[in-house]
Amino acid sequence: MFSKRAWSTLAADDQALIRTLAREAQMEERGLWNTYEQQAMEKAKAVGCEIIEIADKTPFQNAVKPVWDKYGPKYQDMIGRIQSA
């Protein structure tokens, strides 16, 4: 994270390098998180937890539709990003 003032003092090459390395770090973190999540699920199953995968989210989405209708327009951009993830 940089302040706009500090960022603007960097050379374009340095900014590009930071962007590239930040993206690499982001992708590494996602990989580590996926590994951690998988290990946590395996541990939960090993101690007897029942994991229920939800294939059809439609009933849940229908149940929360009034909330979406009320708050959705204000947060449409964020909702779109979440749904595309």
PDB file of N, CA and C in Angstrom:
ATOM      1  N   MET A   1       0.852  -1.158   0.000  1.00  0.00           N
ATOM      2  CA  MET A   1       0.000   0.000   0.000  1.00  0.00           C
ATOM      3  C   MET A   1       0.906   1.232   0.000  1.00  0.00           C
ATOM      4  N   PHE A   2       0.542   2.183  -0.789  1.00  0.00           N
ATOM      5  CA  PHE A   2       1.306   3.422  -0.908  1.00  0.00           C
ATOM      6  C   PHE A   2       0.359   4.603  -0.818  1.00  0.00           C
ATOM      7  N   SER A   3       0.876   5.683  -0.292  1.00  0.00           N
ATOM      8  CA  SER A   3       0.120   6.922  -0.421  1.00  0.00           C
ATOM      9  C   SER A   3       0.286   7.385  -1.864  1.00  0.00           C
ATOM     10  N   LYS A   4      -0.659   8.160  -2.331  1.00  0.00           N
ATOM     11  CA  LYS A   4      -0.566   8.656  -3.702  1.00  0.00           C
ATOM     12  C   LYS A   4       0.708   9.486  -3.872  1.00  0.00           C
ATOM     13  N   ARG A   5       1.046  10.233  -2.848  1.00  0.00           N
ATOM     14  CA  ARG A   5       2.245  11.078  -2.917  1.00  0.00           C
ATOM     15  C   ARG A   5       3.510  10.223  -3.060  1.00  0.00           C
ATOM     16  N   ALA A   6       3.634   9.172  -2.238  1.00  0.00           N
ATOM     17  CA  ALA A   6       4.817   8.304  -2.310  1.00  0.00           C
ATOM     18  C   ALA A   6       4.851   7.551  -3.636  1.00  0.00           C
ATOM     19  N   TRP A   7       3.684   7.060  -4.075  1.00  0.00           N
ATOM     20  CA  TRP A   7       3.618   6.314  -5.326  1.00  0.00           C
ATOM     21  C   TRP A   7       4.074   7.177  -6.498  1.00  0.00           C
ATOM     22  N   SER A   8       3.658   8.424  -6.508  1.00  0.00           N
ATOM     23  CA  SER A   8       3.988   9.303  -7.638  1.00  0.00           C
ATOM     24  C   SER A   8       5.465   9.666  -7.685  1.00  0.00           C
ATOM     25  N   THR A   9       6.185   9.442  -6.597  1.00  0.00           N
ATOM     26  CA  THR A   9       7.626   9.732  -6.615  1.00  0.00           C
ATOM     27  C   THR A   9       8.439   8.599  -7.224  1.00  0.00           C
ATOM     28  N   LEU A  10       7.814   7.431  -7.407  1.00  0.00           N
ATOM     29  CA  LEU A  10       8.526   6.278  -7.957  1.00  0.00           C
ATOM     30  C   LEU A  10       8.593   6.355  -9.472  1.00  0.00           C
ATOM     31  N   ALA A  11       9.674   5.834 -10.002  1.00  0.00           N
ATOM     32  CA  ALA A  11       9.837   5.755 -11.452  1.00  0.00           C
ATOM     33  C   ALA A  11       8.811   4.767 -12.013  1.00  0.00           C
ATOM     34  N   ALA A  12       8.428   4.934 -13.247  1.00  0.00           N
ATOM     35  CA  ALA A  12       7.436   4.069 -13.896  1.00  0.00           C
ATOM     36  C   ALA A  12       7.879   2.604 -13.857  1.00  0.00           C
ATOM     37  N   ASP A  13       9.187   2.366 -14.061  1.00  0.00           N
ATOM     38  CA  ASP A  13       9.696   0.993 -14.001  1.00  0.00           C
ATOM     39  C   ASP A  13       9.506   0.389 -12.614  1.00  0.00           C
ATOM     40  N   ASP A  14       9.739   1.200 -11.580  1.00  0.00           N
ATOM     41  CA  ASP A  14       9.558   0.724 -10.208  1.00  0.00           C
ATOM     42  C   ASP A  14       8.085   0.441  -9.917  1.00  0.00           C
ATOM     43  N   GLN A  15       7.209   1.308 -10.397  1.00  0.00           N
ATOM     44  CA  GLN A  15       5.777   1.087 -10.215  1.00  0.00           C
ATOM     45  C   GLN A  15       5.350  -0.217 -10.890  1.00  0.00           C
ATOM     46  N   ALA A  16       5.853  -0.442 -12.099  1.00  0.00           N
ATOM     47  CA  ALA A  16       5.507  -1.659 -12.836  1.00  0.00           C
ATOM     48  C   ALA A  16       6.015  -2.901 -12.110  1.00  0.00           C
ATOM     49  N   LEU A  17       7.218  -2.819 -11.577  1.00  0.00           N
ATOM     50  CA  LEU A  17       7.783  -3.946 -10.848  1.00  0.00           C
ATOM     51  C   LEU A  17       6.971  -4.238  -9.592  1.00  0.00           C
ATOM     52  N   ILE A  18       6.605  -3.202  -8.884  1.00  0.00           N
ATOM     53  CA  ILE A  18       5.798  -3.385  -7.672  1.00  0.00           C
ATOM     54  C   ILE A  18       4.446  -4.004  -8.024  1.00  0.00           C
ATOM     55  N   ARG A  19       3.818  -3.535  -9.081  1.00  0.00           N
ATOM     56  CA  ARG A  19       2.532  -4.112  -9.504  1.00  0.00           C
ATOM     57  C   ARG A  19       2.678  -5.598  -9.837  1.00  0.00           C
ATOM     58  N   THR A  20       3.734  -5.933 -10.571  1.00  0.00           N
ATOM     59  CA  THR A  20       3.974  -7.323 -10.960  1.00  0.00           C
ATOM     60  C   THR A  20       4.188  -8.203  -9.733  1.00  0.00           C
ATOM     61  N   LEU A  21       5.053  -7.745  -8.834  1.00  0.00           N
ATOM     62  CA  LEU A  21       5.352  -8.545  -7.647  1.00  0.00           C
ATOM     63  C   LEU A  21       4.164  -8.618  -6.693  1.00  0.00           C
ATOM     64  N   ALA A  22       3.384  -7.559  -6.626  1.00  0.00           N
ATOM     65  CA  ALA A  22       2.185  -7.580  -5.788  1.00  0.00           C
ATOM     66  C   ALA A  22       1.203  -8.613  -6.315  1.00  0.00           C
ATOM     67  N   ARG A  23       1.053  -8.695  -7.617  1.00  0.00           N
ATOM     68  CA  ARG A  23       0.155  -9.688  -8.224  1.00  0.00           C
ATOM     69  C   ARG A  23       0.660 -11.102  -7.947  1.00  0.00           C
ATOM     70  N   GLU A  24       1.978 -11.297  -8.065  1.00  0.00           N
ATOM     71  CA  GLU A  24       2.550 -12.607  -7.767  1.00  0.00           C
ATOM     72  C   GLU A  24       2.301 -12.983  -6.307  1.00  0.00           C
ATOM     73  N   ALA A  25       2.474 -12.033  -5.407  1.00  0.00           N
ATOM     74  CA  ALA A  25       2.232 -12.285  -3.984  1.00  0.00           C
ATOM     75  C   ALA A  25       0.764 -12.623  -3.742  1.00  0.00           C
ATOM     76  N   GLN A  26      -0.117 -11.922  -4.437  1.00  0.00           N
ATOM     77  CA  GLN A  26      -1.553 -12.184  -4.309  1.00  0.00           C
ATOM     78  C   GLN A  26      -1.874 -13.609  -4.745  1.00  0.00           C
ATOM     79  N   MET A  27      -1.325 -14.034  -5.860  1.00  0.00           N
ATOM     80  CA  MET A  27      -1.602 -15.375  -6.358  1.00  0.00           C
ATOM     81  C   MET A  27      -0.997 -16.433  -5.431  1.00  0.00           C
ATOM     82  N   GLU A  28       0.171 -16.172  -4.882  1.00  0.00           N
ATOM     83  CA  GLU A  28       0.787 -17.097  -3.922  1.00  0.00           C
ATOM     84  C   GLU A  28      -0.082 -17.228  -2.680  1.00  0.00           C
ATOM     85  N   GLU A  29      -0.596 -16.117  -2.189  1.00  0.00           N
ATOM     86  CA  GLU A  29      -1.458 -16.136  -1.002  1.00  0.00           C
ATOM     87  C   GLU A  29      -2.716 -16.940  -1.270  1.00  0.00           C
ATOM     88  N   ARG A  30      -3.294 -16.790  -2.441  1.00  0.00           N
ATOM     89  CA  ARG A  30      -4.497 -17.556  -2.784  1.00  0.00           C
ATOM     90  C   ARG A  30      -4.195 -19.053  -2.802  1.00  0.00           C
ATOM     91  N   GLY A  31      -3.055 -19.418  -3.349  1.00  0.00           N
ATOM     92  CA  GLY A  31      -2.664 -20.825  -3.365  1.00  0.00           C
ATOM     93  C   GLY A  31      -2.476 -21.371  -1.958  1.00  0.00           C
ATOM     94  N   LEU A  32      -1.811 -20.596  -1.112  1.00  0.00           N
ATOM     95  CA  LEU A  32      -1.608 -21.014   0.277  1.00  0.00           C
ATOM     96  C   LEU A  32      -2.940 -21.143   0.999  1.00  0.00           C
ATOM     97  N   TRP A  33      -3.855 -20.196   0.753  1.00  0.00           N
ATOM     98  CA  TRP A  33      -5.162 -20.259   1.395  1.00  0.00           C
ATOM     99  C   TRP A  33      -5.938 -21.490   0.935  1.00  0.00           C
ATOM    100  N   ASN A  34      -5.894 -21.788  -0.352  1.00  0.00           N
ATOM    101  CA  ASN A  34      -6.595 -22.969  -0.858  1.00  0.00           C
ATOM    102  C   ASN A  34      -6.059 -24.243  -0.218  1.00  0.00           C
ATOM    103  N   THR A  35      -4.741 -24.328  -0.050  1.00  0.00           N
ATOM    104  CA  THR A  35      -4.128 -25.478   0.609  1.00  0.00           C
ATOM    105  C   THR A  35      -4.578 -25.565   2.062  1.00  0.00           C
ATOM    106  N   TYR A  36      -4.548 -24.435   2.753  1.00  0.00           N
ATOM    107  CA  TYR A  36      -4.986 -24.397   4.152  1.00  0.00           C
ATOM    108  C   TYR A  36      -6.452 -24.820   4.280  1.00  0.00           C
ATOM    109  N   GLU A  37      -7.283 -24.308   3.403  1.00  0.00           N
ATOM    110  CA  GLU A  37      -8.704 -24.631   3.438  1.00  0.00           C
ATOM    111  C   GLU A  37      -8.940 -26.125   3.202  1.00  0.00           C
ATOM    112  N   GLN A  38      -8.218 -26.693   2.254  1.00  0.00           N
ATOM    113  CA  GLN A  38      -8.353 -28.125   1.970  1.00  0.00           C
ATOM    114  C   GLN A  38      -7.913 -28.952   3.176  1.00  0.00           C
ATOM    115  N   GLN A  39      -6.805 -28.579   3.804  1.00  0.00           N
ATOM    116  CA  GLN A  39      -6.330 -29.296   4.983  1.00  0.00           C
ATOM    117  C   GLN A  39      -7.325 -29.181   6.134  1.00  0.00           C
ATOM    118  N   ALA A  40      -7.923 -28.017   6.307  1.00  0.00           N
ATOM    119  CA  ALA A  40      -8.906 -27.816   7.367  1.00  0.00           C
ATOM    120  C   ALA A  40     -10.139 -28.688   7.127  1.00  0.00           C
ATOM    121  N   MET A  41     -10.577 -28.797   5.882  1.00  0.00           N
ATOM    122  CA  MET A  41     -11.726 -29.642   5.562  1.00  0.00           C
ATOM    123  C   MET A  41     -11.399 -31.109   5.847  1.00  0.00           C
ATOM    124  N   GLU A  42     -10.192 -31.529   5.490  1.00  0.00           N
ATOM    125  CA  GLU A  42      -9.786 -32.913   5.743  1.00  0.00           C
ATOM    126  C   GLU A  42      -9.745 -33.197   7.243  1.00  0.00           C
ATOM    127  N   LYS A  43      -9.241 -32.252   8.029  1.00  0.00           N
ATOM    128  CA  LYS A  43      -9.203 -32.424   9.484  1.00  0.00           C
ATOM    129  C   LYS A  43     -10.619 -32.501  10.050  1.00  0.00           C
ATOM    130  N   ALA A  44     -11.492 -31.654   9.574  1.00  0.00           N
ATOM    131  CA  ALA A  44     -12.873 -31.656  10.054  1.00  0.00           C
ATOM    132  C   ALA A  44     -13.542 -32.997   9.742  1.00  0.00           C
ATOM    133  N   LYS A  45     -13.328 -33.498   8.537  1.00  0.00           N
ATOM    134  CA  LYS A  45     -13.908 -34.789   8.165  1.00  0.00           C
ATOM    135  C   LYS A  45     -13.314 -35.920   9.004  1.00  0.00           C
ATOM    136  N   ALA A  46     -12.019 -35.816   9.294  1.00  0.00           N
ATOM    137  CA  ALA A  46     -11.338 -36.865  10.058  1.00  0.00           C
ATOM    138  C   ALA A  46     -11.878 -36.995  11.477  1.00  0.00           C
ATOM    139  N   VAL A  47     -12.371 -35.907  12.039  1.00  0.00           N
ATOM    140  CA  VAL A  47     -12.911 -35.968  13.401  1.00  0.00           C
ATOM    141  C   VAL A  47     -14.422 -36.158  13.411  1.00  0.00           C
ATOM    142  N   GLY A  48     -14.986 -36.429  12.238  1.00  0.00           N
ATOM    143  CA  GLY A  48     -16.391 -36.788  12.184  1.00  0.00           C
ATOM    144  C   GLY A  48     -17.365 -35.701  11.771  1.00  0.00           C
ATOM    145  N   CYS A  49     -16.875 -34.550  11.381  1.00  0.00           N
ATOM    146  CA  CYS A  49     -17.785 -33.493  10.929  1.00  0.00           C
ATOM    147  C   CYS A  49     -18.402 -33.896   9.594  1.00  0.00           C
ATOM    148  N   GLU A  50     -19.666 -33.618   9.450  1.00  0.00           N
ATOM    149  CA  GLU A  50     -20.345 -33.878   8.187  1.00  0.00           C
ATOM    150  C   GLU A  50     -20.314 -32.600   7.361  1.00  0.00           C
ATOM    151  N   ILE A  51     -19.756 -32.686   6.181  1.00  0.00           N
ATOM    152  CA  ILE A  51     -19.645 -31.540   5.289  1.00  0.00           C
ATOM    153  C   ILE A  51     -20.717 -31.683   4.218  1.00  0.00           C
ATOM    154  N   ILE A  52     -21.568 -30.694   4.112  1.00  0.00           N
ATOM    155  CA  ILE A  52     -22.641 -30.722   3.126  1.00  0.00           C
ATOM    156  C   ILE A  52     -22.325 -29.694   2.040  1.00  0.00           C
ATOM    157  N   GLU A  53     -22.063 -30.208   0.863  1.00  0.00           N
ATOM    158  CA  GLU A  53     -21.794 -29.339  -0.285  1.00  0.00           C
ATOM    159  C   GLU A  53     -23.136 -28.913  -0.878  1.00  0.00           C
ATOM    160  N   ILE A  54     -23.289 -27.647  -1.145  1.00  0.00           N
ATOM    161  CA  ILE A  54     -24.534 -27.141  -1.716  1.00  0.00           C
ATOM    162  C   ILE A  54     -24.345 -26.952  -3.211  1.00  0.00           C
ATOM    163  N   ALA A  55     -24.979 -27.832  -3.962  1.00  0.00           N
ATOM    164  CA  ALA A  55     -24.855 -27.766  -5.419  1.00  0.00           C
ATOM    165  C   ALA A  55     -25.813 -26.733  -6.002  1.00  0.00           C
ATOM    166  N   ASP A  56     -27.000 -26.656  -5.450  1.00  0.00           N
ATOM    167  CA  ASP A  56     -28.010 -25.738  -5.964  1.00  0.00           C
ATOM    168  C   ASP A  56     -28.240 -24.623  -4.949  1.00  0.00           C
ATOM    169  N   LYS A  57     -27.735 -23.455  -5.254  1.00  0.00           N
ATOM    170  CA  LYS A  57     -27.853 -22.313  -4.339  1.00  0.00           C
ATOM    171  C   LYS A  57     -29.167 -21.554  -4.523  1.00  0.00           C
ATOM    172  N   THR A  58     -29.945 -21.947  -5.497  1.00  0.00           N
ATOM    173  CA  THR A  58     -31.171 -21.220  -5.823  1.00  0.00           C
ATOM    174  C   THR A  58     -32.135 -21.076  -4.648  1.00  0.00           C
ATOM    175  N   PRO A  59     -32.425 -22.136  -3.874  1.00  0.00           N
ATOM    176  CA  PRO A  59     -33.351 -21.959  -2.750  1.00  0.00           C
ATOM    177  C   PRO A  59     -32.856 -20.928  -1.726  1.00  0.00           C
ATOM    178  N   PHE A  60     -31.567 -20.939  -1.447  1.00  0.00           N
ATOM    179  CA  PHE A  60     -31.015 -19.952  -0.530  1.00  0.00           C
ATOM    180  C   PHE A  60     -31.134 -18.551  -1.117  1.00  0.00           C
ATOM    181  N   GLN A  61     -30.780 -18.415  -2.386  1.00  0.00           N
ATOM    182  CA  GLN A  61     -30.866 -17.109  -3.034  1.00  0.00           C
ATOM    183  C   GLN A  61     -32.293 -16.587  -3.043  1.00  0.00           C
ATOM    184  N   ASN A  62     -33.241 -17.466  -3.255  1.00  0.00           N
ATOM    185  CA  ASN A  62     -34.653 -17.053  -3.221  1.00  0.00           C
ATOM    186  C   ASN A  62     -35.061 -16.605  -1.823  1.00  0.00           C
ATOM    187  N   ALA A  63     -34.543 -17.286  -0.795  1.00  0.00           N
ATOM    188  CA  ALA A  63     -34.897 -16.947   0.583  1.00  0.00           C
ATOM    189  C   ALA A  63     -34.364 -15.569   0.988  1.00  0.00           C
ATOM    190  N   VAL A  64     -33.222 -15.171   0.442  1.00  0.00           N
ATOM    191  CA  VAL A  64     -32.636 -13.881   0.815  1.00  0.00           C
ATOM    192  C   VAL A  64     -32.933 -12.781  -0.212  1.00  0.00           C
ATOM    193  N   LYS A  65     -33.789 -13.086  -1.173  1.00  0.00           N
ATOM    194  CA  LYS A  65     -34.112 -12.110  -2.220  1.00  0.00           C
ATOM    195  C   LYS A  65     -34.590 -10.764  -1.674  1.00  0.00           C
ATOM    196  N   PRO A  66     -35.419 -10.732  -0.620  1.00  0.00           N
ATOM    197  CA  PRO A  66     -35.826  -9.425  -0.096  1.00  0.00           C
ATOM    198  C   PRO A  66     -34.640  -8.562   0.360  1.00  0.00           C
ATOM    199  N   VAL A  67     -33.615  -9.190   0.896  1.00  0.00           N
ATOM    200  CA  VAL A  67     -32.420  -8.449   1.319  1.00  0.00           C
ATOM    201  C   VAL A  67     -31.692  -7.918   0.087  1.00  0.00           C
ATOM    202  N   TRP A  68     -31.565  -8.765  -0.940  1.00  0.00           N
ATOM    203  CA  TRP A  68     -30.925  -8.332  -2.184  1.00  0.00           C
ATOM    204  C   TRP A  68     -31.686  -7.166  -2.811  1.00  0.00           C
ATOM    205  N   ASP A  69     -33.019  -7.274  -2.801  1.00  0.00           N
ATOM    206  CA  ASP A  69     -33.832  -6.219  -3.390  1.00  0.00           C
ATOM    207  C   ASP A  69     -33.643  -4.898  -2.646  1.00  0.00           C
ATOM    208  N   LYS A  70     -33.509  -4.991  -1.339  1.00  0.00           N
ATOM    209  CA  LYS A  70     -33.388  -3.780  -0.529  1.00  0.00           C
ATOM    210  C   LYS A  70     -32.001  -3.152  -0.639  1.00  0.00           C
ATOM    211  N   TYR A  71     -30.940  -3.977  -0.536  1.00  0.00           N
ATOM    212  CA  TYR A  71     -29.585  -3.441  -0.476  1.00  0.00           C
ATOM    213  C   TYR A  71     -28.791  -3.613  -1.773  1.00  0.00           C
ATOM    214  N   GLY A  72     -29.267  -4.474  -2.655  1.00  0.00           N
ATOM    215  CA  GLY A  72     -28.525  -4.782  -3.868  1.00  0.00           C
ATOM    216  C   GLY A  72     -28.176  -3.600  -4.747  1.00  0.00           C
ATOM    217  N   PRO A  73     -29.134  -2.715  -5.048  1.00  0.00           N
ATOM    218  CA  PRO A  73     -28.804  -1.611  -5.960  1.00  0.00           C
ATOM    219  C   PRO A  73     -27.642  -0.739  -5.453  1.00  0.00           C
ATOM    220  N   LYS A  74     -27.576  -0.537  -4.164  1.00  0.00           N
ATOM    221  CA  LYS A  74     -26.511   0.310  -3.597  1.00  0.00           C
ATOM    222  C   LYS A  74     -25.137  -0.348  -3.744  1.00  0.00           C
ATOM    223  N   TYR A  75     -25.103  -1.670  -3.701  1.00  0.00           N
ATOM    224  CA  TYR A  75     -23.831  -2.407  -3.710  1.00  0.00           C
ATOM    225  C   TYR A  75     -23.675  -3.268  -4.956  1.00  0.00           C
ATOM    226  N   GLN A  76     -24.300  -2.893  -6.049  1.00  0.00           N
ATOM    227  CA  GLN A  76     -24.313  -3.717  -7.259  1.00  0.00           C
ATOM    228  C   GLN A  76     -22.910  -4.037  -7.759  1.00  0.00           C
ATOM    229  N   ASP A  77     -22.008  -3.080  -7.737  1.00  0.00           N
ATOM    230  CA  ASP A  77     -20.658  -3.319  -8.231  1.00  0.00           C
ATOM    231  C   ASP A  77     -19.968  -4.393  -7.391  1.00  0.00           C
ATOM    232  N   MET A  78     -20.050  -4.274  -6.082  1.00  0.00           N
ATOM    233  CA  MET A  78     -19.410  -5.240  -5.193  1.00  0.00           C
ATOM    234  C   MET A  78     -20.063  -6.620  -5.339  1.00  0.00           C
ATOM    235  N   ILE A  79     -21.360  -6.655  -5.445  1.00  0.00           N
ATOM    236  CA  ILE A  79     -22.083  -7.920  -5.617  1.00  0.00           C
ATOM    237  C   ILE A  79     -21.632  -8.606  -6.899  1.00  0.00           C
ATOM    238  N   GLY A  80     -21.478  -7.845  -7.947  1.00  0.00           N
ATOM    239  CA  GLY A  80     -21.016  -8.414  -9.210  1.00  0.00           C
ATOM    240  C   GLY A  80     -19.630  -9.025  -9.101  1.00  0.00           C
ATOM    241  N   ARG A  81     -18.736  -8.353  -8.382  1.00  0.00           N
ATOM    242  CA  ARG A  81     -17.392  -8.885  -8.198  1.00  0.00           C
ATOM    243  C   ARG A  81     -17.413 -10.164  -7.374  1.00  0.00           C
ATOM    244  N   ILE A  82     -18.253 -10.201  -6.363  1.00  0.00           N
ATOM    245  CA  ILE A  82     -18.351 -11.403  -5.522  1.00  0.00           C
ATOM    246  C   ILE A  82     -18.914 -12.556  -6.323  1.00  0.00           C
ATOM    247  N   GLN A  83     -19.946 -12.302  -7.096  1.00  0.00           N
ATOM    248  CA  GLN A  83     -20.568 -13.368  -7.877  1.00  0.00           C
ATOM    249  C   GLN A  83     -19.648 -13.913  -8.957  1.00  0.00           C
ATOM    250  N   SER A  84     -18.769 -13.089  -9.464  1.00  0.00           N
ATOM    251  CA  SER A  84     -17.867 -13.562 -10.525  1.00  0.00           C
ATOM    252  C   SER A  84     -16.661 -14.311  -9.969  1.00  0.00           C
ATOM    253  N   ALA A  85     -16.482 -14.259  -8.646  1.00  0.00           N
ATOM    254  CA  ALA A  85     -15.319 -14.945  -8.047  1.00  0.00           C
ATOM    255  C   ALA A  85     -15.528 -16.432  -7.987  1.00  0.00           C
TER     256      ALA A  85
END
